[in-house]
PDB file of N, CA and C in Angstrom:
ATOM      1  N   ASN A   1      33.836 137.970 -41.196  1.00  0.00           N
ATOM      2  CA  ASN A   1      34.804 137.209 -41.964  1.00  0.00           C
ATOM      3  C   ASN A   1      34.220 135.833 -42.277  1.00  0.00           C
ATOM      4  N   ILE A   2      34.028 135.542 -43.540  1.00  0.00           N
ATOM      5  CA  ILE A   2      33.373 134.296 -43.957  1.00  0.00           C
ATOM      6  C   ILE A   2      34.194 133.067 -43.581  1.00  0.00           C
ATOM      7  N   ARG A   3      35.515 133.170 -43.625  1.00  0.00           N
ATOM      8  CA  ARG A   3      36.360 132.028 -43.244  1.00  0.00           C
ATOM      9  C   ARG A   3      36.182 131.658 -41.776  1.00  0.00           C
ATOM     10  N   LYS A   4      36.148 132.671 -40.929  1.00  0.00           N
ATOM     11  CA  LYS A   4      35.960 132.424 -39.499  1.00  0.00           C
ATOM     12  C   LYS A   4      34.589 131.823 -39.232  1.00  0.00           C
ATOM     13  N   ARG A   5      33.566 132.342 -39.919  1.00  0.00           N
ATOM     14  CA  ARG A   5      32.216 131.797 -39.746  1.00  0.00           C
ATOM     15  C   ARG A   5      32.153 130.352 -40.203  1.00  0.00           C
ATOM     16  N   THR A   6      32.777 130.070 -41.341  1.00  0.00           N
ATOM     17  CA  THR A   6      32.782 128.705 -41.861  1.00  0.00           C
ATOM     18  C   THR A   6      33.473 127.760 -40.891  1.00  0.00           C
ATOM     19  N   LYS A   7      34.616 128.171 -40.380  1.00  0.00           N
ATOM     20  CA  LYS A   7      35.342 127.336 -39.415  1.00  0.00           C
ATOM     21  C   LYS A   7      34.517 127.109 -38.155  1.00  0.00           C
ATOM     22  N   TYR A   8      33.849 128.168 -37.670  1.00  0.00           N
ATOM     23  CA  TYR A   8      33.042 128.051 -36.455  1.00  0.00           C
ATOM     24  C   TYR A   8      31.865 127.098 -36.671  1.00  0.00           C
ATOM     25  N   ILE A   9      31.164 127.263 -37.789  1.00  0.00           N
ATOM     26  CA  ILE A   9      30.020 126.396 -38.078  1.00  0.00           C
ATOM     27  C   ILE A   9      30.477 124.954 -38.223  1.00  0.00           C
ATOM     28  N   LEU A  10      31.580 124.732 -38.912  1.00  0.00           N
ATOM     29  CA  LEU A  10      32.111 123.378 -39.059  1.00  0.00           C
ATOM     30  C   LEU A  10      32.513 122.813 -37.699  1.00  0.00           C
ATOM     31  N   TRP A  11      33.124 123.644 -36.849  1.00  0.00           N
ATOM     32  CA  TRP A  11      33.509 123.203 -35.507  1.00  0.00           C
ATOM     33  C   TRP A  11      32.272 122.804 -34.702  1.00  0.00           C
ATOM     34  N   LYS A  12      31.200 123.635 -34.757  1.00  0.00           N
ATOM     35  CA  LYS A  12      29.968 123.314 -34.036  1.00  0.00           C
ATOM     36  C   LYS A  12      29.367 122.016 -34.562  1.00  0.00           C
ATOM     37  N   PHE A  13      29.379 121.838 -35.874  1.00  0.00           N
ATOM     38  CA  PHE A  13      28.854 120.617 -36.479  1.00  0.00           C
ATOM     39  C   PHE A  13      29.653 119.408 -36.012  1.00  0.00           C
ATOM     40  N   MET A  14      30.964 119.541 -35.984  1.00  0.00           N
ATOM     41  CA  MET A  14      31.814 118.425 -35.577  1.00  0.00           C
ATOM     42  C   MET A  14      31.600 118.066 -34.108  1.00  0.00           C
ATOM     43  N   GLN A  15      31.235 119.041 -33.283  1.00  0.00           N
ATOM     44  CA  GLN A  15      30.949 118.753 -31.883  1.00  0.00           C
ATOM     45  C   GLN A  15      29.735 117.834 -31.761  1.00  0.00           C
ATOM     46  N   ALA A  16      28.759 118.036 -32.629  1.00  0.00           N
ATOM     47  CA  ALA A  16      27.537 117.229 -32.589  1.00  0.00           C
ATOM     48  C   ALA A  16      27.664 115.954 -33.411  1.00  0.00           C
ATOM     49  N   ASN A  17      28.495 115.974 -34.428  1.00  0.00           N
ATOM     50  CA  ASN A  17      28.606 114.849 -35.348  1.00  0.00           C
ATOM     51  C   ASN A  17      29.931 114.139 -35.131  1.00  0.00           C
ATOM     52  N   ARG A  18      29.921 113.169 -34.278  1.00  0.00           N
ATOM     53  CA  ARG A  18      31.158 112.457 -33.951  1.00  0.00           C
ATOM     54  C   ARG A  18      31.628 111.532 -35.068  1.00  0.00           C
ATOM     55  N   ALA A  19      30.803 111.315 -36.088  1.00  0.00           N
ATOM     56  CA  ALA A  19      31.207 110.473 -37.219  1.00  0.00           C
ATOM     57  C   ALA A  19      32.224 111.197 -38.098  1.00  0.00           C
ATOM     58  N   ARG A  20      32.375 112.489 -37.884  1.00  0.00           N
ATOM     59  CA  ARG A  20      33.348 113.311 -38.620  1.00  0.00           C
ATOM     60  C   ARG A  20      33.081 113.353 -40.124  1.00  0.00           C
ATOM     61  N   LEU A  21      31.824 113.439 -40.480  1.00  0.00           N
ATOM     62  CA  LEU A  21      31.453 113.594 -41.882  1.00  0.00           C
ATOM     63  C   LEU A  21      31.124 115.062 -42.113  1.00  0.00           C
ATOM     64  N   SER A  22      31.844 115.684 -43.008  1.00  0.00           N
ATOM     65  CA  SER A  22      31.563 117.092 -43.277  1.00  0.00           C
ATOM     66  C   SER A  22      31.600 117.361 -44.772  1.00  0.00           C
ATOM     67  N   THR A  23      30.841 118.357 -45.156  1.00  0.00           N
ATOM     68  CA  THR A  23      30.802 118.757 -46.547  1.00  0.00           C
ATOM     69  C   THR A  23      30.826 120.272 -46.605  1.00  0.00           C
ATOM     70  N   LEU A  24      31.757 120.811 -47.331  1.00  0.00           N
ATOM     71  CA  LEU A  24      31.788 122.246 -47.585  1.00  0.00           C
ATOM     72  C   LEU A  24      31.504 122.452 -49.065  1.00  0.00           C
ATOM     73  N   THR A  25      30.637 123.388 -49.352  1.00  0.00           N
ATOM     74  CA  THR A  25      30.303 123.644 -50.746  1.00  0.00           C
ATOM     75  C   THR A  25      30.755 125.039 -51.134  1.00  0.00           C
ATOM     76  N   GLN A  26      30.965 125.229 -52.403  1.00  0.00           N
ATOM     77  CA  GLN A  26      31.278 126.541 -52.943  1.00  0.00           C
ATOM     78  C   GLN A  26      30.014 127.051 -53.610  1.00  0.00           C
ATOM     79  N   ALA A  27      29.440 128.085 -53.065  1.00  0.00           N
ATOM     80  CA  ALA A  27      28.192 128.612 -53.603  1.00  0.00           C
ATOM     81  C   ALA A  27      28.416 130.003 -54.178  1.00  0.00           C
ATOM     82  N   THR A  28      27.708 130.279 -55.244  1.00  0.00           N
ATOM     83  CA  THR A  28      27.819 131.599 -55.848  1.00  0.00           C
ATOM     84  C   THR A  28      26.585 132.443 -55.589  1.00  0.00           C
ATOM     85  N   ASP A  29      25.486 131.829 -55.172  1.00  0.00           N
ATOM     86  CA  ASP A  29      24.265 132.565 -54.861  1.00  0.00           C
ATOM     87  C   ASP A  29      24.315 133.005 -53.402  1.00  0.00           C
ATOM     88  N   THR A  30      24.708 134.246 -53.183  1.00  0.00           N
ATOM     89  CA  THR A  30      24.901 134.725 -51.812  1.00  0.00           C
ATOM     90  C   THR A  30      23.591 134.862 -51.050  1.00  0.00           C
ATOM     91  N   THR A  31      22.468 134.977 -51.755  1.00  0.00           N
ATOM     92  CA  THR A  31      21.176 135.069 -51.075  1.00  0.00           C
ATOM     93  C   THR A  31      20.909 133.810 -50.275  1.00  0.00           C
ATOM     94  N   ASN A  32      21.119 132.656 -50.894  1.00  0.00           N
ATOM     95  CA  ASN A  32      20.898 131.395 -50.189  1.00  0.00           C
ATOM     96  C   ASN A  32      21.868 131.231 -49.029  1.00  0.00           C
ATOM     97  N   ILE A  33      23.100 131.628 -49.225  1.00  0.00           N
ATOM     98  CA  ILE A  33      24.096 131.519 -48.160  1.00  0.00           C
ATOM     99  C   ILE A  33      23.691 132.393 -46.976  1.00  0.00           C
ATOM    100  N   ARG A  34      23.201 133.586 -47.252  1.00  0.00           N
ATOM    101  CA  ARG A  34      22.747 134.472 -46.164  1.00  0.00           C
ATOM    102  C   ARG A  34      21.592 133.849 -45.393  1.00  0.00           C
ATOM    103  N   LEU A  35      20.644 133.252 -46.109  1.00  0.00           N
ATOM    104  CA  LEU A  35      19.506 132.614 -45.448  1.00  0.00           C
ATOM    105  C   LEU A  35      19.953 131.440 -44.587  1.00  0.00           C
ATOM    106  N   VAL A  36      20.839 130.628 -45.115  1.00  0.00           N
ATOM    107  CA  VAL A  36      21.341 129.478 -44.359  1.00  0.00           C
ATOM    108  C   VAL A  36      22.137 129.952 -43.150  1.00  0.00           C
ATOM    109  N   SER A  37      22.988 130.948 -43.336  1.00  0.00           N
ATOM    110  CA  SER A  37      23.778 131.478 -42.219  1.00  0.00           C
ATOM    111  C   SER A  37      22.871 132.017 -41.121  1.00  0.00           C
ATOM    112  N   ALA A  38      21.825 132.725 -41.496  1.00  0.00           N
ATOM    113  CA  ALA A  38      20.892 133.267 -40.505  1.00  0.00           C
ATOM    114  C   ALA A  38      20.173 132.149 -39.762  1.00  0.00           C
ATOM    115  N   ALA A  39      19.763 131.111 -40.484  1.00  0.00           N
ATOM    116  CA  ALA A  39      19.076 129.985 -39.848  1.00  0.00           C
ATOM    117  C   ALA A  39      20.000 129.235 -38.896  1.00  0.00           C
ATOM    118  N   VAL A  40      21.235 129.023 -39.317  1.00  0.00           N
ATOM    119  CA  VAL A  40      22.212 128.331 -38.466  1.00  0.00           C
ATOM    120  C   VAL A  40      22.496 129.165 -37.222  1.00  0.00           C
ATOM    121  N   LYS A  41      22.686 130.455 -37.402  1.00  0.00           N
ATOM    122  CA  LYS A  41      22.956 131.346 -36.267  1.00  0.00           C
ATOM    123  C   LYS A  41      21.801 131.307 -35.272  1.00  0.00           C
ATOM    124  N   GLU A  42      20.579 131.403 -35.779  1.00  0.00           N
ATOM    125  CA  GLU A  42      19.412 131.376 -34.901  1.00  0.00           C
ATOM    126  C   GLU A  42      19.320 130.056 -34.140  1.00  0.00           C
ATOM    127  N   THR A  43      19.571 128.951 -34.818  1.00  0.00           N
ATOM    128  CA  THR A  43      19.531 127.642 -34.172  1.00  0.00           C
ATOM    129  C   THR A  43      20.579 127.533 -33.075  1.00  0.00           C
ATOM    130  N   ILE A  44      21.792 127.977 -33.364  1.00  0.00           N
ATOM    131  CA  ILE A  44      22.869 127.922 -32.367  1.00  0.00           C
ATOM    132  C   ILE A  44      22.517 128.782 -31.157  1.00  0.00           C
ATOM    133  N   LEU A  45      21.995 129.980 -31.398  1.00  0.00           N
ATOM    134  CA  LEU A  45      21.628 130.867 -30.295  1.00  0.00           C
ATOM    135  C   LEU A  45      20.474 130.291 -29.475  1.00  0.00           C
ATOM    136  N   GLN A  46      19.499 129.675 -30.145  1.00  0.00           N
ATOM    137  CA  GLN A  46      18.385 129.060 -29.427  1.00  0.00           C
ATOM    138  C   GLN A  46      18.866 127.896 -28.569  1.00  0.00           C
ATOM    139  N   LYS A  47      19.697 127.052 -29.131  1.00  0.00           N
ATOM    140  CA  LYS A  47      20.180 125.885 -28.393  1.00  0.00           C
ATOM    141  C   LYS A  47      21.094 126.272 -27.237  1.00  0.00           C
ATOM    142  N   SER A  48      21.753 127.422 -27.353  1.00  0.00           N
ATOM    143  CA  SER A  48      22.629 127.873 -26.273  1.00  0.00           C
ATOM    144  C   SER A  48      21.854 128.603 -25.182  1.00  0.00           C
ATOM    145  N   GLY A  49      20.579 128.885 -25.432  1.00  0.00           N
ATOM    146  CA  GLY A  49      19.745 129.559 -24.443  1.00  0.00           C
ATOM    147  C   GLY A  49      19.782 131.068 -24.523  1.00  0.00           C
ATOM    148  N   ILE A  50      20.468 131.612 -25.497  1.00  0.00           N
ATOM    149  CA  ILE A  50      20.556 133.065 -25.643  1.00  0.00           C
ATOM    150  C   ILE A  50      19.245 133.630 -26.186  1.00  0.00           C
ATOM    151  N   LEU A  51      18.591 132.896 -27.085  1.00  0.00           N
ATOM    152  CA  LEU A  51      17.290 133.328 -27.637  1.00  0.00           C
ATOM    153  C   LEU A  51      16.176 132.534 -27.020  1.00  0.00           C
TER     154      LEU A  51
END
């Protein structure tokens, strides 16, 4: 579910960014979104010690 993923990523960002600056974009190129989502997921998993 893209909404849940977006909320989770924004929540994780807000945990690290106490200035509370956020930007959500509307993208139509799903290829780029998939690449970014994969990179964010990998980073979160690495930082959590799972990977």
